[in-house]
Amino acid sequence: MTRNPNTPPSSSMVSPVPPSVVPLSALCTGERGVVVELAGGRGLLGRMTALGFTPGVEVTVLQNFGRGPL
């Protein structure tokens, strides 16, 4: 099947473009992001969860010097 170039695509024909996924360290001070996933050992994942870093949570970078862990 081909689509007529003069016809706008229907919503069923267009797949949504996923937002770009970047590491937290790539965000600048003041930028916001949503936690998509956490990767690490059991201890790290437990600590991050205890701090509130769970998938779906929006976070704001308060400070990022551009080097080292955040």
PDB file of N, CA and C in Angstrom:
ATOM      1  N   MET A   1       0.847  -1.164   0.000  1.00  0.00           N
ATOM      2  CA  MET A   1       0.000   0.000   0.000  1.00  0.00           C
ATOM      3  C   MET A   1       0.895   1.230   0.000  1.00  0.00           C
ATOM      4  N   THR A   2       0.529   2.216  -0.742  1.00  0.00           N
ATOM      5  CA  THR A   2       1.258   3.480  -0.745  1.00  0.00           C
ATOM      6  C   THR A   2       0.323   4.582  -0.301  1.00  0.00           C
ATOM      7  N   ARG A   3       0.880   5.588   0.265  1.00  0.00           N
ATOM      8  CA  ARG A   3       0.086   6.720   0.735  1.00  0.00           C
ATOM      9  C   ARG A   3       0.217   7.846  -0.261  1.00  0.00           C
ATOM     10  N   ASN A   4      -0.888   8.510  -0.528  1.00  0.00           N
ATOM     11  CA  ASN A   4      -0.893   9.670  -1.407  1.00  0.00           C
ATOM     12  C   ASN A   4      -0.113  10.781  -0.712  1.00  0.00           C
ATOM     13  N   PRO A   5       0.902  11.343  -1.353  1.00  0.00           N
ATOM     14  CA  PRO A   5       1.694  12.389  -0.695  1.00  0.00           C
ATOM     15  C   PRO A   5       0.897  13.639  -0.364  1.00  0.00           C
ATOM     16  N   ASN A   6      -0.264  13.819  -0.973  1.00  0.00           N
ATOM     17  CA  ASN A   6      -1.093  14.993  -0.689  1.00  0.00           C
ATOM     18  C   ASN A   6      -2.046  14.762   0.476  1.00  0.00           C
ATOM     19  N   THR A   7      -2.082  13.549   0.987  1.00  0.00           N
ATOM     20  CA  THR A   7      -2.969  13.218   2.091  1.00  0.00           C
ATOM     21  C   THR A   7      -2.168  13.194   3.382  1.00  0.00           C
ATOM     22  N   PRO A   8      -2.622  13.922   4.404  1.00  0.00           N
ATOM     23  CA  PRO A   8      -1.876  13.885   5.669  1.00  0.00           C
ATOM     24  C   PRO A   8      -1.953  12.491   6.275  1.00  0.00           C
ATOM     25  N   PRO A   9      -0.917  12.043   6.947  1.00  0.00           N
ATOM     26  CA  PRO A   9      -0.937  10.708   7.542  1.00  0.00           C
ATOM     27  C   PRO A   9      -1.938  10.630   8.677  1.00  0.00           C
ATOM     28  N   SER A  10      -2.596   9.490   8.779  1.00  0.00           N
ATOM     29  CA  SER A  10      -3.522   9.298   9.889  1.00  0.00           C
ATOM     30  C   SER A  10      -2.722   8.912  11.121  1.00  0.00           C
ATOM     31  N   SER A  11      -3.345   9.039  12.282  1.00  0.00           N
ATOM     32  CA  SER A  11      -2.621   8.734  13.513  1.00  0.00           C
ATOM     33  C   SER A  11      -2.243   7.262  13.592  1.00  0.00           C
ATOM     34  N   SER A  12      -2.993   6.392  12.901  1.00  0.00           N
ATOM     35  CA  SER A  12      -2.665   4.971  12.944  1.00  0.00           C
ATOM     36  C   SER A  12      -1.463   4.645  12.071  1.00  0.00           C
ATOM     37  N   MET A  13      -1.082   5.556  11.164  1.00  0.00           N
ATOM     38  CA  MET A  13       0.028   5.300  10.265  1.00  0.00           C
ATOM     39  C   MET A  13       1.346   5.859  10.800  1.00  0.00           C
ATOM     40  N   VAL A  14       1.265   6.750  11.756  1.00  0.00           N
ATOM     41  CA  VAL A  14       2.469   7.415  12.256  1.00  0.00           C
ATOM     42  C   VAL A  14       2.790   6.874  13.638  1.00  0.00           C
ATOM     43  N   SER A  15       4.002   6.377  13.803  1.00  0.00           N
ATOM     44  CA  SER A  15       4.404   5.923  15.127  1.00  0.00           C
ATOM     45  C   SER A  15       5.036   7.101  15.859  1.00  0.00           C
ATOM     46  N   PRO A  16       4.751   7.226  17.156  1.00  0.00           N
ATOM     47  CA  PRO A  16       5.319   8.355  17.898  1.00  0.00           C
ATOM     48  C   PRO A  16       6.832   8.235  17.986  1.00  0.00           C
ATOM     49  N   VAL A  17       7.484   9.362  17.939  1.00  0.00           N
ATOM     50  CA  VAL A  17       8.943   9.389  18.063  1.00  0.00           C
ATOM     51  C   VAL A  17       9.276   9.361  19.547  1.00  0.00           C
ATOM     52  N   PRO A  18      10.024   8.350  19.990  1.00  0.00           N
ATOM     53  CA  PRO A  18      10.344   8.290  21.420  1.00  0.00           C
ATOM     54  C   PRO A  18      11.282   9.420  21.805  1.00  0.00           C
ATOM     55  N   PRO A  19      11.110   9.966  23.015  1.00  0.00           N
ATOM     56  CA  PRO A  19      12.035  11.020  23.445  1.00  0.00           C
ATOM     57  C   PRO A  19      13.429  10.427  23.581  1.00  0.00           C
ATOM     58  N   SER A  20      14.421  11.259  23.428  1.00  0.00           N
ATOM     59  CA  SER A  20      15.787  10.753  23.519  1.00  0.00           C
ATOM     60  C   SER A  20      16.114  10.397  24.966  1.00  0.00           C
ATOM     61  N   VAL A  21      16.822   9.311  25.115  1.00  0.00           N
ATOM     62  CA  VAL A  21      17.236   8.847  26.436  1.00  0.00           C
ATOM     63  C   VAL A  21      18.710   9.188  26.601  1.00  0.00           C
ATOM     64  N   VAL A  22      19.019   9.926  27.650  1.00  0.00           N
ATOM     65  CA  VAL A  22      20.397  10.338  27.923  1.00  0.00           C
ATOM     66  C   VAL A  22      20.710  10.036  29.388  1.00  0.00           C
ATOM     67  N   PRO A  23      21.972   9.845  29.710  1.00  0.00           N
ATOM     68  CA  PRO A  23      22.318   9.651  31.125  1.00  0.00           C
ATOM     69  C   PRO A  23      22.126  10.949  31.902  1.00  0.00           C
ATOM     70  N   LEU A  24      21.883  10.815  33.174  1.00  0.00           N
ATOM     71  CA  LEU A  24      21.693  11.985  34.038  1.00  0.00           C
ATOM     72  C   LEU A  24      22.876  12.937  33.944  1.00  0.00           C
ATOM     73  N   SER A  25      24.062  12.401  33.790  1.00  0.00           N
ATOM     74  CA  SER A  25      25.265  13.239  33.718  1.00  0.00           C
ATOM     75  C   SER A  25      25.295  14.129  32.476  1.00  0.00           C
ATOM     76  N   ALA A  26      24.458  13.839  31.470  1.00  0.00           N
ATOM     77  CA  ALA A  26      24.425  14.645  30.249  1.00  0.00           C
ATOM     78  C   ALA A  26      23.532  15.878  30.388  1.00  0.00           C
ATOM     79  N   LEU A  27      22.753  15.950  31.462  1.00  0.00           N
ATOM     80  CA  LEU A  27      21.882  17.104  31.674  1.00  0.00           C
ATOM     81  C   LEU A  27      22.662  18.232  32.333  1.00  0.00           C
ATOM     82  N   CYS A  28      22.331  19.443  31.954  1.00  0.00           N
ATOM     83  CA  CYS A  28      22.979  20.626  32.533  1.00  0.00           C
ATOM     84  C   CYS A  28      22.203  21.102  33.749  1.00  0.00           C
ATOM     85  N   THR A  29      22.833  21.932  34.547  1.00  0.00           N
ATOM     86  CA  THR A  29      22.188  22.504  35.719  1.00  0.00           C
ATOM     87  C   THR A  29      20.882  23.179  35.315  1.00  0.00           C
ATOM     88  N   GLY A  30      19.809  22.848  36.021  1.00  0.00           N
ATOM     89  CA  GLY A  30      18.500  23.426  35.750  1.00  0.00           C
ATOM     90  C   GLY A  30      17.641  22.605  34.806  1.00  0.00           C
ATOM     91  N   GLU A  31      18.236  21.671  34.089  1.00  0.00           N
ATOM     92  CA  GLU A  31      17.452  20.848  33.168  1.00  0.00           C
ATOM     93  C   GLU A  31      16.692  19.776  33.937  1.00  0.00           C
ATOM     94  N   ARG A  32      15.568  19.360  33.347  1.00  0.00           N
ATOM     95  CA  ARG A  32      14.735  18.328  33.952  1.00  0.00           C
ATOM     96  C   ARG A  32      14.726  17.095  33.074  1.00  0.00           C
ATOM     97  N   GLY A  33      14.463  15.979  33.698  1.00  0.00           N
ATOM     98  CA  GLY A  33      14.352  14.726  32.974  1.00  0.00           C
ATOM     99  C   GLY A  33      13.484  13.765  33.758  1.00  0.00           C
ATOM    100  N   VAL A  34      13.093  12.697  33.112  1.00  0.00           N
ATOM    101  CA  VAL A  34      12.287  11.661  33.745  1.00  0.00           C
ATOM    102  C   VAL A  34      13.131  10.394  33.814  1.00  0.00           C
ATOM    103  N   VAL A  35      13.177   9.783  34.974  1.00  0.00           N
ATOM    104  CA  VAL A  35      13.934   8.547  35.145  1.00  0.00           C
ATOM    105  C   VAL A  35      13.255   7.454  34.329  1.00  0.00           C
ATOM    106  N   VAL A  36      14.030   6.826  33.445  1.00  0.00           N
ATOM    107  CA  VAL A  36      13.502   5.759  32.601  1.00  0.00           C
ATOM    108  C   VAL A  36      13.895   4.403  33.169  1.00  0.00           C
ATOM    109  N   GLU A  37      15.152   4.270  33.539  1.00  0.00           N
ATOM    110  CA  GLU A  37      15.620   3.017  34.114  1.00  0.00           C
ATOM    111  C   GLU A  37      16.849   3.272  34.973  1.00  0.00           C
ATOM    112  N   LEU A  38      17.126   2.332  35.848  1.00  0.00           N
ATOM    113  CA  LEU A  38      18.318   2.372  36.683  1.00  0.00           C
ATOM    114  C   LEU A  38      19.118   1.112  36.405  1.00  0.00           C
ATOM    115  N   ALA A  39      20.418   1.254  36.330  1.00  0.00           N
ATOM    116  CA  ALA A  39      21.283   0.097  36.113  1.00  0.00           C
ATOM    117  C   ALA A  39      22.345   0.079  37.194  1.00  0.00           C
ATOM    118  N   GLY A  40      22.553  -1.068  37.787  1.00  0.00           N
ATOM    119  CA  GLY A  40      23.575  -1.192  38.812  1.00  0.00           C
ATOM    120  C   GLY A  40      23.340  -2.425  39.649  1.00  0.00           C
ATOM    121  N   GLY A  41      24.171  -2.577  40.633  1.00  0.00           N
ATOM    122  CA  GLY A  41      24.043  -3.709  41.545  1.00  0.00           C
ATOM    123  C   GLY A  41      22.900  -3.513  42.523  1.00  0.00           C
ATOM    124  N   ARG A  42      22.640  -4.554  43.302  1.00  0.00           N
ATOM    125  CA  ARG A  42      21.525  -4.526  44.239  1.00  0.00           C
ATOM    126  C   ARG A  42      21.658  -3.393  45.252  1.00  0.00           C
ATOM    127  N   GLY A  43      22.873  -3.159  45.745  1.00  0.00           N
ATOM    128  CA  GLY A  43      23.090  -2.090  46.721  1.00  0.00           C
ATOM    129  C   GLY A  43      22.805  -0.715  46.145  1.00  0.00           C
ATOM    130  N   LEU A  44      23.320  -0.465  44.943  1.00  0.00           N
ATOM    131  CA  LEU A  44      23.094   0.830  44.298  1.00  0.00           C
ATOM    132  C   LEU A  44      21.613   1.038  43.998  1.00  0.00           C
ATOM    133  N   LEU A  45      20.967   0.009  43.465  1.00  0.00           N
ATOM    134  CA  LEU A  45      19.545   0.143  43.135  1.00  0.00           C
ATOM    135  C   LEU A  45      18.704   0.384  44.384  1.00  0.00           C
ATOM    136  N   GLY A  46      19.061  -0.281  45.475  1.00  0.00           N
ATOM    137  CA  GLY A  46      18.343  -0.065  46.732  1.00  0.00           C
ATOM    138  C   GLY A  46      18.520   1.355  47.244  1.00  0.00           C
ATOM    139  N   ARG A  47      19.734   1.861  47.164  1.00  0.00           N
ATOM    140  CA  ARG A  47      20.020   3.228  47.626  1.00  0.00           C
ATOM    141  C   ARG A  47      19.308   4.260  46.757  1.00  0.00           C
ATOM    142  N   MET A  48      19.361   4.081  45.435  1.00  0.00           N
ATOM    143  CA  MET A  48      18.703   5.022  44.527  1.00  0.00           C
ATOM    144  C   MET A  48      17.190   5.019  44.742  1.00  0.00           C
ATOM    145  N   THR A  49      16.622   3.842  44.961  1.00  0.00           N
ATOM    146  CA  THR A  49      15.189   3.744  45.234  1.00  0.00           C
ATOM    147  C   THR A  49      14.851   4.450  46.547  1.00  0.00           C
ATOM    148  N   ALA A  50      15.685   4.262  47.563  1.00  0.00           N
ATOM    149  CA  ALA A  50      15.462   4.921  48.854  1.00  0.00           C
ATOM    150  C   ALA A  50      15.525   6.439  48.725  1.00  0.00           C
ATOM    151  N   LEU A  51      16.332   6.930  47.785  1.00  0.00           N
ATOM    152  CA  LEU A  51      16.437   8.373  47.556  1.00  0.00           C
ATOM    153  C   LEU A  51      15.315   8.910  46.668  1.00  0.00           C
ATOM    154  N   GLY A  52      14.473   8.013  46.142  1.00  0.00           N
ATOM    155  CA  GLY A  52      13.347   8.454  45.323  1.00  0.00           C
ATOM    156  C   GLY A  52      13.565   8.366  43.829  1.00  0.00           C
ATOM    157  N   PHE A  53      14.702   7.844  43.410  1.00  0.00           N
ATOM    158  CA  PHE A  53      14.974   7.685  41.977  1.00  0.00           C
ATOM    159  C   PHE A  53      14.323   6.397  41.499  1.00  0.00           C
ATOM    160  N   THR A  54      13.095   6.507  41.037  1.00  0.00           N
ATOM    161  CA  THR A  54      12.370   5.355  40.510  1.00  0.00           C
ATOM    162  C   THR A  54      11.855   5.706  39.121  1.00  0.00           C
ATOM    163  N   PRO A  55      11.684   4.720  38.255  1.00  0.00           N
ATOM    164  CA  PRO A  55      11.196   5.006  36.902  1.00  0.00           C
ATOM    165  C   PRO A  55       9.891   5.803  36.918  1.00  0.00           C
ATOM    166  N   GLY A  56       9.854   6.837  36.082  1.00  0.00           N
ATOM    167  CA  GLY A  56       8.675   7.687  35.966  1.00  0.00           C
ATOM    168  C   GLY A  56       8.755   8.983  36.752  1.00  0.00           C
ATOM    169  N   VAL A  57       9.724   9.091  37.648  1.00  0.00           N
ATOM    170  CA  VAL A  57       9.863  10.285  38.485  1.00  0.00           C
ATOM    171  C   VAL A  57      10.621  11.365  37.715  1.00  0.00           C
ATOM    172  N   GLU A  58      10.115  12.600  37.785  1.00  0.00           N
ATOM    173  CA  GLU A  58      10.809  13.723  37.159  1.00  0.00           C
ATOM    174  C   GLU A  58      11.858  14.256  38.128  1.00  0.00           C
ATOM    175  N   VAL A  59      13.050  14.512  37.607  1.00  0.00           N
ATOM    176  CA  VAL A  59      14.135  15.057  38.424  1.00  0.00           C
ATOM    177  C   VAL A  59      14.647  16.344  37.788  1.00  0.00           C
ATOM    178  N   THR A  60      15.181  17.227  38.619  1.00  0.00           N
ATOM    179  CA  THR A  60      15.800  18.468  38.166  1.00  0.00           C
ATOM    180  C   THR A  60      17.249  18.462  38.623  1.00  0.00           C
ATOM    181  N   VAL A  61      18.166  18.745  37.709  1.00  0.00           N
ATOM    182  CA  VAL A  61      19.586  18.784  38.052  1.00  0.00           C
ATOM    183  C   VAL A  61      19.855  20.110  38.759  1.00  0.00           C
ATOM    184  N   LEU A  62      20.309  20.032  39.997  1.00  0.00           N
ATOM    185  CA  LEU A  62      20.610  21.236  40.772  1.00  0.00           C
ATOM    186  C   LEU A  62      22.027  21.717  40.530  1.00  0.00           C
ATOM    187  N   GLN A  63      22.927  20.776  40.275  1.00  0.00           N
ATOM    188  CA  GLN A  63      24.322  21.149  40.064  1.00  0.00           C
ATOM    189  C   GLN A  63      25.001  20.046  39.261  1.00  0.00           C
ATOM    190  N   ASN A  64      25.769  20.437  38.257  1.00  0.00           N
ATOM    191  CA  ASN A  64      26.528  19.485  37.452  1.00  0.00           C
ATOM    192  C   ASN A  64      27.811  20.177  37.012  1.00  0.00           C
ATOM    193  N   PHE A  65      28.919  19.738  37.577  1.00  0.00           N
ATOM    194  CA  PHE A  65      30.209  20.335  37.239  1.00  0.00           C
ATOM    195  C   PHE A  65      30.783  19.773  35.951  1.00  0.00           C
ATOM    196  N   GLY A  66      30.124  18.752  35.375  1.00  0.00           N
ATOM    197  CA  GLY A  66      30.586  18.182  34.121  1.00  0.00           C
ATOM    198  C   GLY A  66      31.670  17.138  34.264  1.00  0.00           C
ATOM    199  N   ARG A  67      31.963  16.745  35.476  1.00  0.00           N
ATOM    200  CA  ARG A  67      32.951  15.689  35.687  1.00  0.00           C
ATOM    201  C   ARG A  67      32.534  14.871  36.900  1.00  0.00           C
ATOM    202  N   GLY A  68      32.864  13.618  36.883  1.00  0.00           N
ATOM    203  CA  GLY A  68      32.564  12.749  38.017  1.00  0.00           C
ATOM    204  C   GLY A  68      31.097  12.397  38.117  1.00  0.00           C
ATOM    205  N   PRO A  69      30.754  11.590  39.106  1.00  0.00           N
ATOM    206  CA  PRO A  69      29.357  11.175  39.281  1.00  0.00           C
ATOM    207  C   PRO A  69      28.505  12.316  39.825  1.00  0.00           C
ATOM    208  N   LEU A  70      27.220  12.214  39.591  1.00  0.00           N
ATOM    209  CA  LEU A  70      26.292  13.236  40.094  1.00  0.00           C
ATOM    210  C   LEU A  70      25.729  12.814  41.424  1.00  0.00           C
TER     211      LEU A  70
END
